Amino acid sequence: MKNPLCSKAVNIDGKLMIEIPESVIEKLAISPDDFIEFGNAKTITIWKSKNIDVPTDVFEVLIDIFKTEDYVFQWLNKKQSYLLGKAPITLFNTSAGKEQVLGLIERLKRGDFS
């Protein structure tokens, strides 16, 4: 049986393209003009992303915790219960949101996962 999550890469006008399987589109709720990020490892990880600049001070703390940019951006795009089900990346548009993210990061640094 063929893996339903498999896609073949094709060259279109000098650009390498893949078709995203329907189940992945549904799971990520992908729509036109969304941003998609790929992890850079031996296996491919894909997640939906907001095209938002991460404040430098936040990024520096996160890279110290997670060690790689891939893990930092995966964490930033993952919904967090502490943030009422919001992904940290979505909160950087206000100073209050940034403070909420910094509060969660401080808890991570202390090892408080409750």
Protein backbone atom coordinates (compact mmCIF):
# COMPACT_ATOMS: atom_id res chain seq x y z
CA MET A 1 0.00 0.00 0.00
CA LYS A 2 1.29 3.45 -0.90
CA ASN A 3 1.89 5.87 1.97
CA PRO A 4 -0.96 8.43 1.70
CA LEU A 5 1.28 11.13 3.22
CA CYS A 6 3.92 10.75 0.51
CA SER A 7 4.40 13.33 -2.26
CA LYS A 8 6.67 13.37 -5.28
CA ALA A 9 8.85 16.43 -5.87
CA VAL A 10 8.61 17.88 -9.38
CA ASN A 11 10.49 20.64 -11.17
CA ILE A 12 8.18 23.40 -12.44
CA ASP A 13 9.82 26.38 -14.14
CA GLY A 14 13.10 25.69 -12.35
CA LYS A 15 11.47 25.46 -8.90
CA LEU A 16 11.17 22.24 -6.93
CA MET A 17 7.52 21.75 -5.90
CA ILE A 18 5.61 19.16 -3.89
CA GLU A 19 1.91 18.56 -3.55
CA ILE A 20 0.79 18.55 0.08
CA PRO A 21 -1.46 15.58 0.88
CA GLU A 22 -5.08 16.49 1.62
CA SER A 23 -4.94 15.04 5.15
CA VAL A 24 -1.97 17.31 5.97
CA ILE A 25 -3.80 20.33 4.51
CA GLU A 26 -6.81 19.53 6.71
CA LYS A 27 -4.72 18.87 9.85
CA LEU A 28 -2.82 22.14 9.52
CA ALA A 29 -5.87 24.04 8.24
CA ILE A 30 -3.75 25.37 5.39
CA SER A 31 -5.25 28.00 3.14
CA PRO A 32 -3.87 30.21 0.36
CA ASP A 33 -1.25 32.76 1.52
CA ASP A 34 -0.38 30.74 4.67
CA PHE A 35 3.30 30.29 5.48
CA ILE A 36 4.70 26.78 5.80
CA GLU A 37 8.00 26.05 7.53
CA PHE A 38 10.10 22.94 7.16
CA GLY A 39 12.47 21.50 9.74
CA ASN A 40 16.03 20.97 8.55
CA ALA A 41 16.89 17.44 9.64
CA LYS A 42 17.14 13.92 8.21
CA THR A 43 13.36 13.70 8.32
CA ILE A 44 11.03 16.45 7.19
CA THR A 45 8.82 18.20 9.70
CA ILE A 46 6.24 20.63 8.40
CA TRP A 47 4.13 23.08 10.34
CA LYS A 48 1.97 26.07 9.62
CA SER A 49 3.61 29.31 10.61
CA LYS A 50 2.81 32.94 11.05
CA ASN A 51 5.15 35.28 9.18
CA ILE A 52 5.95 37.27 12.29
CA ASP A 53 9.33 38.57 13.39
CA VAL A 54 10.41 37.04 16.67
CA PRO A 55 11.87 39.65 19.03
CA THR A 56 15.64 39.19 19.31
CA ASP A 57 15.60 39.01 23.12
CA VAL A 58 13.00 36.22 23.03
CA PHE A 59 14.84 34.32 20.30
CA GLU A 60 18.14 34.44 22.19
CA VAL A 61 16.56 32.94 25.32
CA LEU A 62 14.80 30.24 23.30
CA ILE A 63 17.92 29.26 21.32
CA ASP A 64 19.71 28.85 24.66
CA ILE A 65 16.95 26.48 25.82
CA PHE A 66 16.28 24.54 22.60
CA LYS A 67 19.75 24.77 20.96
CA THR A 68 18.50 24.76 17.32
CA GLU A 69 16.40 27.16 15.28
CA ASP A 70 14.19 24.26 14.16
CA TYR A 71 13.17 23.47 17.74
CA VAL A 72 12.69 27.16 18.57
CA PHE A 73 10.29 27.69 15.67
CA GLN A 74 8.48 24.41 16.32
CA TRP A 75 7.89 25.52 19.91
CA LEU A 76 6.82 29.02 18.88
CA ASN A 77 4.22 27.57 16.50
CA LYS A 78 2.82 24.97 18.91
CA LYS A 79 -0.32 25.82 20.86
CA GLN A 80 0.39 26.08 24.60
CA SER A 81 -2.19 25.43 27.32
CA TYR A 82 -0.51 28.08 29.51
CA LEU A 83 -1.34 30.59 26.77
CA LEU A 84 -4.98 29.44 26.61
CA GLY A 85 -4.36 27.29 23.56
CA LYS A 86 -2.56 29.97 21.56
CA ALA A 87 0.78 29.53 19.84
CA PRO A 88 3.44 31.87 21.27
CA ILE A 89 4.25 33.24 17.79
CA THR A 90 0.73 34.71 17.57
CA LEU A 91 1.21 36.87 20.68
CA PHE A 92 4.14 39.04 19.60
CA ASN A 93 1.89 41.72 18.10
CA THR A 94 1.29 43.29 21.54
CA SER A 95 3.59 43.99 24.49
CA ALA A 96 1.17 42.14 26.81
CA GLY A 97 1.34 39.09 24.55
CA LYS A 98 5.12 39.21 24.51
CA GLU A 99 5.11 39.35 28.33
CA GLN A 100 2.87 36.26 28.44
CA VAL A 101 5.36 34.38 26.23
CA LEU A 102 8.28 35.54 28.37
CA GLY A 103 6.39 34.31 31.46
CA LEU A 104 6.02 30.88 29.90
CA ILE A 105 9.68 30.84 28.90
CA GLU A 106 10.65 31.70 32.48
CA ARG A 107 8.60 28.74 33.71
CA LEU A 108 10.37 26.49 31.20
CA LYS A 109 13.76 27.69 32.41
CA ARG A 110 12.74 26.84 36.00
CA GLY A 111 11.47 23.41 34.92
CA ASP A 112 7.86 24.26 35.84
CA PHE A 113 5.76 22.29 33.35
CA SER A 114 2.48 22.43 35.26
